[in-house]
Amino acid sequence: MVLVEVFGTGCAKCKRMLKNVEIAVRDLKIDAEIRKIEGLDEMIERGVMLTPALYVDGEAKVVGHVPCVEDIKQILLGEK
Protein backbone atom coordinates (compact mmCIF):
# COMPACT_ATOMS: atom_id res chain seq x y z
CA MET A 1 0.00 0.00 0.00
CA VAL A 2 1.18 3.49 -0.86
CA LEU A 3 0.84 6.27 1.70
CA VAL A 4 -0.08 9.57 0.04
CA GLU A 5 -0.18 12.67 2.22
CA VAL A 6 -1.52 16.05 1.19
CA PHE A 7 -0.44 18.90 3.46
CA GLY A 8 -2.44 22.10 3.45
CA THR A 9 -4.51 24.40 5.59
CA GLY A 10 -7.72 24.02 3.60
CA CYS A 11 -7.18 26.69 0.94
CA ALA A 12 -8.48 26.26 -2.60
CA LYS A 13 -5.10 25.00 -3.88
CA CYS A 14 -4.90 22.40 -1.11
CA LYS A 15 -8.41 21.16 -1.89
CA ARG A 16 -7.56 20.96 -5.59
CA MET A 17 -4.42 18.96 -4.83
CA LEU A 18 -6.43 16.49 -2.72
CA LYS A 19 -9.02 16.10 -5.47
CA ASN A 20 -6.30 15.54 -8.11
CA VAL A 21 -4.66 12.91 -5.88
CA GLU A 22 -7.97 11.11 -5.39
CA ILE A 23 -8.60 11.08 -9.16
CA ALA A 24 -5.07 9.80 -9.90
CA VAL A 25 -5.32 7.00 -7.32
CA ARG A 26 -8.75 6.00 -8.63
CA ASP A 27 -7.64 6.05 -12.28
CA LEU A 28 -4.52 3.99 -11.55
CA LYS A 29 -6.49 1.57 -9.35
CA ILE A 30 -3.63 1.43 -6.86
CA ASP A 31 -3.90 0.46 -3.23
CA ALA A 32 -3.27 3.75 -1.47
CA GLU A 33 -4.08 5.41 1.80
CA ILE A 34 -4.69 9.13 1.28
CA ARG A 35 -4.25 11.39 4.29
CA LYS A 36 -5.07 15.10 4.45
CA ILE A 37 -2.93 16.89 7.01
CA GLU A 38 -4.13 20.35 8.03
CA GLY A 39 -2.50 20.83 11.43
CA LEU A 40 0.25 23.44 11.47
CA ASP A 41 2.13 21.65 14.25
CA GLU A 42 2.36 18.45 12.22
CA MET A 43 3.39 20.38 9.10
CA ILE A 44 6.20 22.11 11.00
CA GLU A 45 7.23 18.82 12.60
CA ARG A 46 7.49 17.22 9.13
CA GLY A 47 9.39 20.18 7.66
CA VAL A 48 6.61 21.44 5.40
CA MET A 49 7.14 25.17 4.91
CA LEU A 50 5.06 25.74 1.75
CA THR A 51 1.64 24.38 0.94
CA PRO A 52 0.17 22.56 -0.72
CA ALA A 53 2.65 19.72 -0.38
CA LEU A 54 2.44 16.14 -1.61
CA TYR A 55 4.34 13.36 0.13
CA VAL A 56 4.45 9.75 -1.07
CA ASP A 57 5.62 7.15 1.41
CA GLY A 58 7.11 9.89 3.57
CA GLU A 59 9.08 11.59 0.80
CA ALA A 60 8.30 15.11 -0.46
CA LYS A 61 7.34 15.01 -4.12
CA VAL A 62 5.66 18.39 -4.71
CA VAL A 63 5.82 21.56 -2.64
CA GLY A 64 4.18 24.91 -3.23
CA HIS A 65 2.07 24.18 -6.31
CA VAL A 66 -0.71 21.91 -7.54
CA PRO A 67 0.34 19.27 -10.06
CA CYS A 68 -2.14 18.09 -12.66
CA VAL A 69 -3.65 14.60 -12.41
CA GLU A 70 -1.26 13.23 -15.05
CA ASP A 71 1.79 14.49 -13.15
CA ILE A 72 0.49 12.89 -9.95
CA LYS A 73 0.02 9.61 -11.81
CA GLN A 74 3.65 9.73 -12.93
CA ILE A 75 4.75 10.45 -9.36
CA LEU A 76 2.72 7.52 -8.02
CA LEU A 77 4.15 5.22 -10.68
CA GLY A 78 7.67 6.31 -9.74
CA GLU A 79 8.32 8.02 -13.06
CA LYS A 80 8.95 11.49 -11.58
PDB file of N, CA and C in Angstrom:
ATOM      1  N   MET A   1       0.836  -1.179   0.000  1.00  0.00           N
ATOM      2  CA  MET A   1       0.000   0.000   0.000  1.00  0.00           C
ATOM      3  C   MET A   1       0.885   1.247   0.000  1.00  0.00           C
ATOM      4  N   VAL A   2       0.472   2.220  -0.759  1.00  0.00           N
ATOM      5  CA  VAL A   2       1.178   3.488  -0.865  1.00  0.00           C
ATOM      6  C   VAL A   2       0.525   4.483   0.086  1.00  0.00           C
ATOM      7  N   LEU A   3       1.342   5.221   0.828  1.00  0.00           N
ATOM      8  CA  LEU A   3       0.836   6.271   1.698  1.00  0.00           C
ATOM      9  C   LEU A   3       1.018   7.603   0.985  1.00  0.00           C
ATOM     10  N   VAL A   4      -0.101   8.274   0.715  1.00  0.00           N
ATOM     11  CA  VAL A   4      -0.085   9.568   0.039  1.00  0.00           C
ATOM     12  C   VAL A   4      -0.613  10.606   1.017  1.00  0.00           C
ATOM     13  N   GLU A   5       0.213  11.628   1.279  1.00  0.00           N
ATOM     14  CA  GLU A   5      -0.180  12.667   2.220  1.00  0.00           C
ATOM     15  C   GLU A   5      -0.246  14.009   1.506  1.00  0.00           C
ATOM     16  N   VAL A   6      -1.347  14.712   1.735  1.00  0.00           N
ATOM     17  CA  VAL A   6      -1.522  16.051   1.187  1.00  0.00           C
ATOM     18  C   VAL A   6      -1.529  17.010   2.373  1.00  0.00           C
ATOM     19  N   PHE A   7      -0.557  17.921   2.389  1.00  0.00           N
ATOM     20  CA  PHE A   7      -0.440  18.904   3.457  1.00  0.00           C
ATOM     21  C   PHE A   7      -1.012  20.224   2.978  1.00  0.00           C
ATOM     22  N   GLY A   8      -1.873  20.808   3.788  1.00  0.00           N
ATOM     23  CA  GLY A   8      -2.444  22.104   3.450  1.00  0.00           C
ATOM     24  C   GLY A   8      -3.444  22.543   4.493  1.00  0.00           C
ATOM     25  N   THR A   9      -3.659  23.830   4.555  1.00  0.00           N
ATOM     26  CA  THR A   9      -4.514  24.400   5.590  1.00  0.00           C
ATOM     27  C   THR A   9      -5.983  24.462   5.199  1.00  0.00           C
ATOM     28  N   GLY A  10      -6.326  24.001   4.023  1.00  0.00           N
ATOM     29  CA  GLY A  10      -7.719  24.021   3.597  1.00  0.00           C
ATOM     30  C   GLY A  10      -8.018  25.067   2.538  1.00  0.00           C
ATOM     31  N   CYS A  11      -6.983  25.683   1.994  1.00  0.00           N
ATOM     32  CA  CYS A  11      -7.179  26.687   0.943  1.00  0.00           C
ATOM     33  C   CYS A  11      -7.625  25.999  -0.361  1.00  0.00           C
ATOM     34  N   ALA A  12      -7.999  26.801  -1.329  1.00  0.00           N
ATOM     35  CA  ALA A  12      -8.479  26.263  -2.604  1.00  0.00           C
ATOM     36  C   ALA A  12      -7.431  25.383  -3.286  1.00  0.00           C
ATOM     37  N   LYS A  13      -6.164  25.800  -3.248  1.00  0.00           N
ATOM     38  CA  LYS A  13      -5.099  24.997  -3.877  1.00  0.00           C
ATOM     39  C   LYS A  13      -4.952  23.647  -3.184  1.00  0.00           C
ATOM     40  N   CYS A  14      -5.040  23.642  -1.867  1.00  0.00           N
ATOM     41  CA  CYS A  14      -4.901  22.399  -1.110  1.00  0.00           C
ATOM     42  C   CYS A  14      -6.055  21.445  -1.429  1.00  0.00           C
ATOM     43  N   LYS A  15      -7.240  21.989  -1.539  1.00  0.00           N
ATOM     44  CA  LYS A  15      -8.411  21.163  -1.886  1.00  0.00           C
ATOM     45  C   LYS A  15      -8.282  20.607  -3.294  1.00  0.00           C
ATOM     46  N   ARG A  16      -7.755  21.428  -4.212  1.00  0.00           N
ATOM     47  CA  ARG A  16      -7.565  20.958  -5.592  1.00  0.00           C
ATOM     48  C   ARG A  16      -6.520  19.855  -5.655  1.00  0.00           C
ATOM     49  N   MET A  17      -5.447  20.000  -4.877  1.00  0.00           N
ATOM     50  CA  MET A  17      -4.419  18.958  -4.828  1.00  0.00           C
ATOM     51  C   MET A  17      -5.023  17.642  -4.337  1.00  0.00           C
ATOM     52  N   LEU A  18      -5.811  17.703  -3.263  1.00  0.00           N
ATOM     53  CA  LEU A  18      -6.430  16.490  -2.720  1.00  0.00           C
ATOM     54  C   LEU A  18      -7.328  15.843  -3.765  1.00  0.00           C
ATOM     55  N   LYS A  19      -8.129  16.643  -4.447  1.00  0.00           N
ATOM     56  CA  LYS A  19      -9.021  16.096  -5.474  1.00  0.00           C
ATOM     57  C   LYS A  19      -8.221  15.452  -6.598  1.00  0.00           C
ATOM     58  N   ASN A  20      -7.142  16.105  -7.046  1.00  0.00           N
ATOM     59  CA  ASN A  20      -6.302  15.543  -8.111  1.00  0.00           C
ATOM     60  C   ASN A  20      -5.662  14.233  -7.672  1.00  0.00           C
ATOM     61  N   VAL A  21      -5.241  14.146  -6.410  1.00  0.00           N
ATOM     62  CA  VAL A  21      -4.660  12.908  -5.881  1.00  0.00           C
ATOM     63  C   VAL A  21      -5.712  11.804  -5.888  1.00  0.00           C
ATOM     64  N   GLU A  22      -6.906  12.110  -5.427  1.00  0.00           N
ATOM     65  CA  GLU A  22      -7.972  11.105  -5.391  1.00  0.00           C
ATOM     66  C   GLU A  22      -8.290  10.597  -6.789  1.00  0.00           C
ATOM     67  N   ILE A  23      -8.333  11.483  -7.771  1.00  0.00           N
ATOM     68  CA  ILE A  23      -8.595  11.076  -9.157  1.00  0.00           C
ATOM     69  C   ILE A  23      -7.463  10.193  -9.675  1.00  0.00           C
ATOM     70  N   ALA A  24      -6.223  10.578  -9.425  1.00  0.00           N
ATOM     71  CA  ALA A  24      -5.069   9.803  -9.904  1.00  0.00           C
ATOM     72  C   ALA A  24      -5.060   8.399  -9.296  1.00  0.00           C
ATOM     73  N   VAL A  25      -5.299   8.308  -7.996  1.00  0.00           N
ATOM     74  CA  VAL A  25      -5.319   7.001  -7.323  1.00  0.00           C
ATOM     75  C   VAL A  25      -6.444   6.138  -7.890  1.00  0.00           C
ATOM     76  N   ARG A  26      -7.614   6.744  -8.074  1.00  0.00           N
ATOM     77  CA  ARG A  26      -8.752   6.000  -8.631  1.00  0.00           C
ATOM     78  C   ARG A  26      -8.453   5.525 -10.047  1.00  0.00           C
ATOM     79  N   ASP A  27      -7.919   6.417 -10.888  1.00  0.00           N
ATOM     80  CA  ASP A  27      -7.637   6.054 -12.280  1.00  0.00           C
ATOM     81  C   ASP A  27      -6.592   4.953 -12.391  1.00  0.00           C
ATOM     82  N   LEU A  28      -5.578   4.999 -11.516  1.00  0.00           N
ATOM     83  CA  LEU A  28      -4.519   3.985 -11.553  1.00  0.00           C
ATOM     84  C   LEU A  28      -4.923   2.683 -10.870  1.00  0.00           C
ATOM     85  N   LYS A  29      -6.004   2.749 -10.092  1.00  0.00           N
ATOM     86  CA  LYS A  29      -6.487   1.570  -9.351  1.00  0.00           C
ATOM     87  C   LYS A  29      -5.396   0.997  -8.449  1.00  0.00           C
ATOM     88  N   ILE A  30      -4.669   1.902  -7.769  1.00  0.00           N
ATOM     89  CA  ILE A  30      -3.635   1.427  -6.861  1.00  0.00           C
ATOM     90  C   ILE A  30      -4.164   1.402  -5.434  1.00  0.00           C
ATOM     91  N   ASP A  31      -3.544   0.569  -4.636  1.00  0.00           N
ATOM     92  CA  ASP A  31      -3.896   0.455  -3.226  1.00  0.00           C
ATOM     93  C   ASP A  31      -3.162   1.557  -2.486  1.00  0.00           C
ATOM     94  N   ALA A  32      -3.899   2.601  -2.105  1.00  0.00           N
ATOM     95  CA  ALA A  32      -3.269   3.753  -1.465  1.00  0.00           C
ATOM     96  C   ALA A  32      -4.116   4.251  -0.308  1.00  0.00           C
ATOM     97  N   GLU A  33      -3.422   4.715   0.714  1.00  0.00           N
ATOM     98  CA  GLU A  33      -4.080   5.413   1.804  1.00  0.00           C
ATOM     99  C   GLU A  33      -3.787   6.894   1.594  1.00  0.00           C
ATOM    100  N   ILE A  34      -4.837   7.692   1.489  1.00  0.00           N
ATOM    101  CA  ILE A  34      -4.687   9.130   1.276  1.00  0.00           C
ATOM    102  C   ILE A  34      -5.003   9.830   2.587  1.00  0.00           C
ATOM    103  N   ARG A  35      -4.055  10.619   3.052  1.00  0.00           N
ATOM    104  CA  ARG A  35      -4.246  11.386   4.291  1.00  0.00           C
ATOM    105  C   ARG A  35      -4.188  12.870   3.974  1.00  0.00           C
ATOM    106  N   LYS A  36      -5.089  13.639   4.565  1.00  0.00           N
ATOM    107  CA  LYS A  36      -5.074  15.101   4.454  1.00  0.00           C
ATOM    108  C   LYS A  36      -4.603  15.638   5.788  1.00  0.00           C
ATOM    109  N   ILE A  37      -3.490  16.344   5.786  1.00  0.00           N
ATOM    110  CA  ILE A  37      -2.927  16.889   7.014  1.00  0.00           C
ATOM    111  C   ILE A  37      -3.088  18.400   6.998  1.00  0.00           C
ATOM    112  N   GLU A  38      -3.855  18.921   7.965  1.00  0.00           N
ATOM    113  CA  GLU A  38      -4.133  20.352   8.033  1.00  0.00           C
ATOM    114  C   GLU A  38      -3.511  21.032   9.244  1.00  0.00           C
ATOM    115  N   GLY A  39      -3.039  20.253  10.203  1.00  0.00           N
ATOM    116  CA  GLY A  39      -2.498  20.829  11.429  1.00  0.00           C
ATOM    117  C   GLY A  39      -1.136  21.466  11.232  1.00  0.00           C
ATOM    118  N   LEU A  40      -1.022  22.724  11.629  1.00  0.00           N
ATOM    119  CA  LEU A  40       0.250  23.438  11.466  1.00  0.00           C
ATOM    120  C   LEU A  40       1.381  22.795  12.256  1.00  0.00           C
ATOM    121  N   ASP A  41       1.081  22.291  13.445  1.00  0.00           N
ATOM    122  CA  ASP A  41       2.128  21.650  14.250  1.00  0.00           C
ATOM    123  C   ASP A  41       2.716  20.453  13.526  1.00  0.00           C
ATOM    124  N   GLU A  42       1.856  19.626  12.933  1.00  0.00           N
ATOM    125  CA  GLU A  42       2.357  18.448  12.215  1.00  0.00           C
ATOM    126  C   GLU A  42       3.133  18.853  10.962  1.00  0.00           C
ATOM    127  N   MET A  43       2.665  19.904  10.285  1.00  0.00           N
ATOM    128  CA  MET A  43       3.386  20.380   9.099  1.00  0.00           C
ATOM    129  C   MET A  43       4.792  20.834   9.475  1.00  0.00           C
ATOM    130  N   ILE A  44       4.893  21.618  10.543  1.00  0.00           N
ATOM    131  CA  ILE A  44       6.197  22.106  10.997  1.00  0.00           C
ATOM    132  C   ILE A  44       7.083  20.943  11.415  1.00  0.00           C
ATOM    133  N   GLU A  45       6.495  20.002  12.137  1.00  0.00           N
ATOM    134  CA  GLU A  45       7.235  18.820  12.596  1.00  0.00           C
ATOM    135  C   GLU A  45       7.799  18.030  11.419  1.00  0.00           C
ATOM    136  N   ARG A  46       7.066  17.984  10.314  1.00  0.00           N
ATOM    137  CA  ARG A  46       7.493  17.222   9.134  1.00  0.00           C
ATOM    138  C   ARG A  46       8.353  18.054   8.189  1.00  0.00           C
ATOM    139  N   GLY A  47       8.540  19.348   8.493  1.00  0.00           N
ATOM    140  CA  GLY A  47       9.389  20.184   7.661  1.00  0.00           C
ATOM    141  C   GLY A  47       8.688  20.821   6.478  1.00  0.00           C
ATOM    142  N   VAL A  48       7.365  20.835   6.486  1.00  0.00           N
ATOM    143  CA  VAL A  48       6.605  21.437   5.396  1.00  0.00           C
ATOM    144  C   VAL A  48       6.523  22.937   5.638  1.00  0.00           C
ATOM    145  N   MET A  49       7.131  23.710   4.748  1.00  0.00           N
ATOM    146  CA  MET A  49       7.142  25.168   4.907  1.00  0.00           C
ATOM    147  C   MET A  49       6.261  25.867   3.874  1.00  0.00           C
ATOM    148  N   LEU A  50       5.948  25.205   2.786  1.00  0.00           N
ATOM    149  CA  LEU A  50       5.059  25.741   1.754  1.00  0.00           C
ATOM    150  C   LEU A  50       3.945  24.736   1.508  1.00  0.00           C
ATOM    151  N   THR A  51       2.753  25.251   1.281  1.00  0.00           N
ATOM    152  CA  THR A  51       1.635  24.379   0.941  1.00  0.00           C
ATOM    153  C   THR A  51       1.049  24.833  -0.390  1.00  0.00           C
ATOM    154  N   PRO A  52       0.375  23.949  -1.074  1.00  0.00           N
ATOM    155  CA  PRO A  52       0.174  22.556  -0.717  1.00  0.00           C
ATOM    156  C   PRO A  52       1.459  21.751  -0.917  1.00  0.00           C
ATOM    157  N   ALA A  53       1.515  20.628  -0.235  1.00  0.00           N
ATOM    158  CA  ALA A  53       2.653  19.722  -0.383  1.00  0.00           C
ATOM    159  C   ALA A  53       2.134  18.299  -0.533  1.00  0.00           C
ATOM    160  N   LEU A  54       2.808  17.532  -1.360  1.00  0.00           N
ATOM    161  CA  LEU A  54       2.438  16.142  -1.605  1.00  0.00           C
ATOM    162  C   LEU A  54       3.609  15.252  -1.214  1.00  0.00           C
ATOM    163  N   TYR A  55       3.343  14.344  -0.301  1.00  0.00           N
ATOM    164  CA  TYR A  55       4.342  13.362   0.128  1.00  0.00           C
ATOM    165  C   TYR A  55       3.846  11.977  -0.272  1.00  0.00           C
ATOM    166  N   VAL A  56       4.767  11.151  -0.745  1.00  0.00           N
ATOM    167  CA  VAL A  56       4.451   9.755  -1.069  1.00  0.00           C
ATOM    168  C   VAL A  56       5.407   8.881  -0.286  1.00  0.00           C
ATOM    169  N   ASP A  57       4.836   8.022   0.532  1.00  0.00           N
ATOM    170  CA  ASP A  57       5.620   7.146   1.411  1.00  0.00           C
ATOM    171  C   ASP A  57       6.669   7.930   2.201  1.00  0.00           C
ATOM    172  N   GLY A  58       6.258   9.097   2.715  1.00  0.00           N
ATOM    173  CA  GLY A  58       7.110   9.893   3.574  1.00  0.00           C
ATOM    174  C   GLY A  58       8.098  10.797   2.880  1.00  0.00           C
ATOM    175  N   GLU A  59       8.120  10.789   1.558  1.00  0.00           N
ATOM    176  CA  GLU A  59       9.075  11.591   0.798  1.00  0.00           C
ATOM    177  C   GLU A  59       8.357  12.731   0.072  1.00  0.00           C
ATOM    178  N   ALA A  60       8.884  13.945   0.221  1.00  0.00           N
ATOM    179  CA  ALA A  60       8.301  15.112  -0.456  1.00  0.00           C
ATOM    180  C   ALA A  60       8.443  14.958  -1.962  1.00  0.00           C
ATOM    181  N   LYS A  61       7.338  15.107  -2.666  1.00  0.00           N
ATOM    182  CA  LYS A  61       7.342  15.013  -4.122  1.00  0.00           C
ATOM    183  C   LYS A  61       6.991  16.337  -4.785  1.00  0.00           C
ATOM    184  N   VAL A  62       6.086  17.103  -4.167  1.00  0.00           N
ATOM    185  CA  VAL A  62       5.657  18.391  -4.711  1.00  0.00           C
ATOM    186  C   VAL A  62       5.458  19.341  -3.546  1.00  0.00           C
ATOM    187  N   VAL A  63       5.987  20.552  -3.679  1.00  0.00           N
ATOM    188  CA  VAL A  63       5.825  21.560  -2.635  1.00  0.00           C
ATOM    189  C   VAL A  63       5.529  22.904  -3.287  1.00  0.00           C
ATOM    190  N   GLY A  64       4.460  23.554  -2.832  1.00  0.00           N
ATOM    191  CA  GLY A  64       4.185  24.915  -3.234  1.00  0.00           C
ATOM    192  C   GLY A  64       3.350  25.118  -4.485  1.00  0.00           C
ATOM    193  N   HIS A  65       2.956  24.042  -5.152  1.00  0.00           N
ATOM    194  CA  HIS A  65       2.071  24.182  -6.309  1.00  0.00           C
ATOM    195  C   HIS A  65       1.222  22.928  -6.461  1.00  0.00           C
ATOM    196  N   VAL A  66       0.222  23.029  -7.328  1.00  0.00           N
ATOM    197  CA  VAL A  66      -0.706  21.913  -7.538  1.00  0.00           C
ATOM    198  C   VAL A  66      -0.378  21.234  -8.865  1.00  0.00           C
ATOM    199  N   PRO A  67       0.086  19.990  -8.816  1.00  0.00           N
ATOM    200  CA  PRO A  67       0.344  19.273 -10.064  1.00  0.00           C
ATOM    201  C   PRO A  67      -0.966  18.790 -10.682  1.00  0.00           C
ATOM    202  N   CYS A  68      -0.958  18.631 -11.991  1.00  0.00           N
ATOM    203  CA  CYS A  68      -2.138  18.089 -12.662  1.00  0.00           C
ATOM    204  C   CYS A  68      -2.250  16.594 -12.356  1.00  0.00           C
ATOM    205  N   VAL A  69      -3.391  16.023 -12.681  1.00  0.00           N
ATOM    206  CA  VAL A  69      -3.645  14.603 -12.409  1.00  0.00           C
ATOM    207  C   VAL A  69      -2.597  13.727 -13.086  1.00  0.00           C
ATOM    208  N   GLU A  70      -2.237  14.056 -14.323  1.00  0.00           N
ATOM    209  CA  GLU A  70      -1.260  13.234 -15.055  1.00  0.00           C
ATOM    210  C   GLU A  70       0.109  13.258 -14.381  1.00  0.00           C
ATOM    211  N   ASP A  71       0.511  14.410 -13.861  1.00  0.00           N
ATOM    212  CA  ASP A  71       1.788  14.486 -13.147  1.00  0.00           C
ATOM    213  C   ASP A  71       1.746  13.661 -11.861  1.00  0.00           C
ATOM    214  N   ILE A  72       0.629  13.701 -11.174  1.00  0.00           N
ATOM    215  CA  ILE A  72       0.488  12.895  -9.951  1.00  0.00           C
ATOM    216  C   ILE A  72       0.548  11.411 -10.281  1.00  0.00           C
ATOM    217  N   LYS A  73      -0.055  11.021 -11.381  1.00  0.00           N
ATOM    218  CA  LYS A  73       0.017   9.611 -11.806  1.00  0.00           C
ATOM    219  C   LYS A  73       1.467   9.201 -12.019  1.00  0.00           C
ATOM    220  N   GLN A  74       2.249  10.041 -12.682  1.00  0.00           N
ATOM    221  CA  GLN A  74       3.648   9.732 -12.931  1.00  0.00           C
ATOM    222  C   GLN A  74       4.415   9.621 -11.608  1.00  0.00           C
ATOM    223  N   ILE A  75       4.111  10.508 -10.677  1.00  0.00           N
ATOM    224  CA  ILE A  75       4.749  10.449  -9.359  1.00  0.00           C
ATOM    225  C   ILE A  75       4.421   9.131  -8.674  1.00  0.00           C
ATOM    226  N   LEU A  76       3.156   8.752  -8.706  1.00  0.00           N
ATOM    227  CA  LEU A  76       2.724   7.524  -8.024  1.00  0.00           C
ATOM    228  C   LEU A  76       3.301   6.273  -8.681  1.00  0.00           C
ATOM    229  N   LEU A  77       3.553   6.354  -9.958  1.00  0.00           N
ATOM    230  CA  LEU A  77       4.153   5.222 -10.676  1.00  0.00           C
ATOM    231  C   LEU A  77       5.673   5.225 -10.594  1.00  0.00           C
ATOM    232  N   GLY A  78       6.230   6.239  -9.915  1.00  0.00           N
ATOM    233  CA  GLY A  78       7.674   6.313  -9.742  1.00  0.00           C
ATOM    234  C   GLY A  78       8.408   6.842 -10.951  1.00  0.00           C
ATOM    235  N   GLU A  79       7.695   7.520 -11.837  1.00  0.00           N
ATOM    236  CA  GLU A  79       8.322   8.024 -13.058  1.00  0.00           C
ATOM    237  C   GLU A  79       8.825   9.452 -12.910  1.00  0.00           C
ATOM    238  N   LYS A  80       8.505  10.100 -11.799  1.00  0.00           N
ATOM    239  CA  LYS A  80       8.951  11.492 -11.582  1.00  0.00           C
ATOM    240  C   LYS A  80       9.615  11.592 -10.245  1.00  0.00           C
TER     241      LYS A  80
END
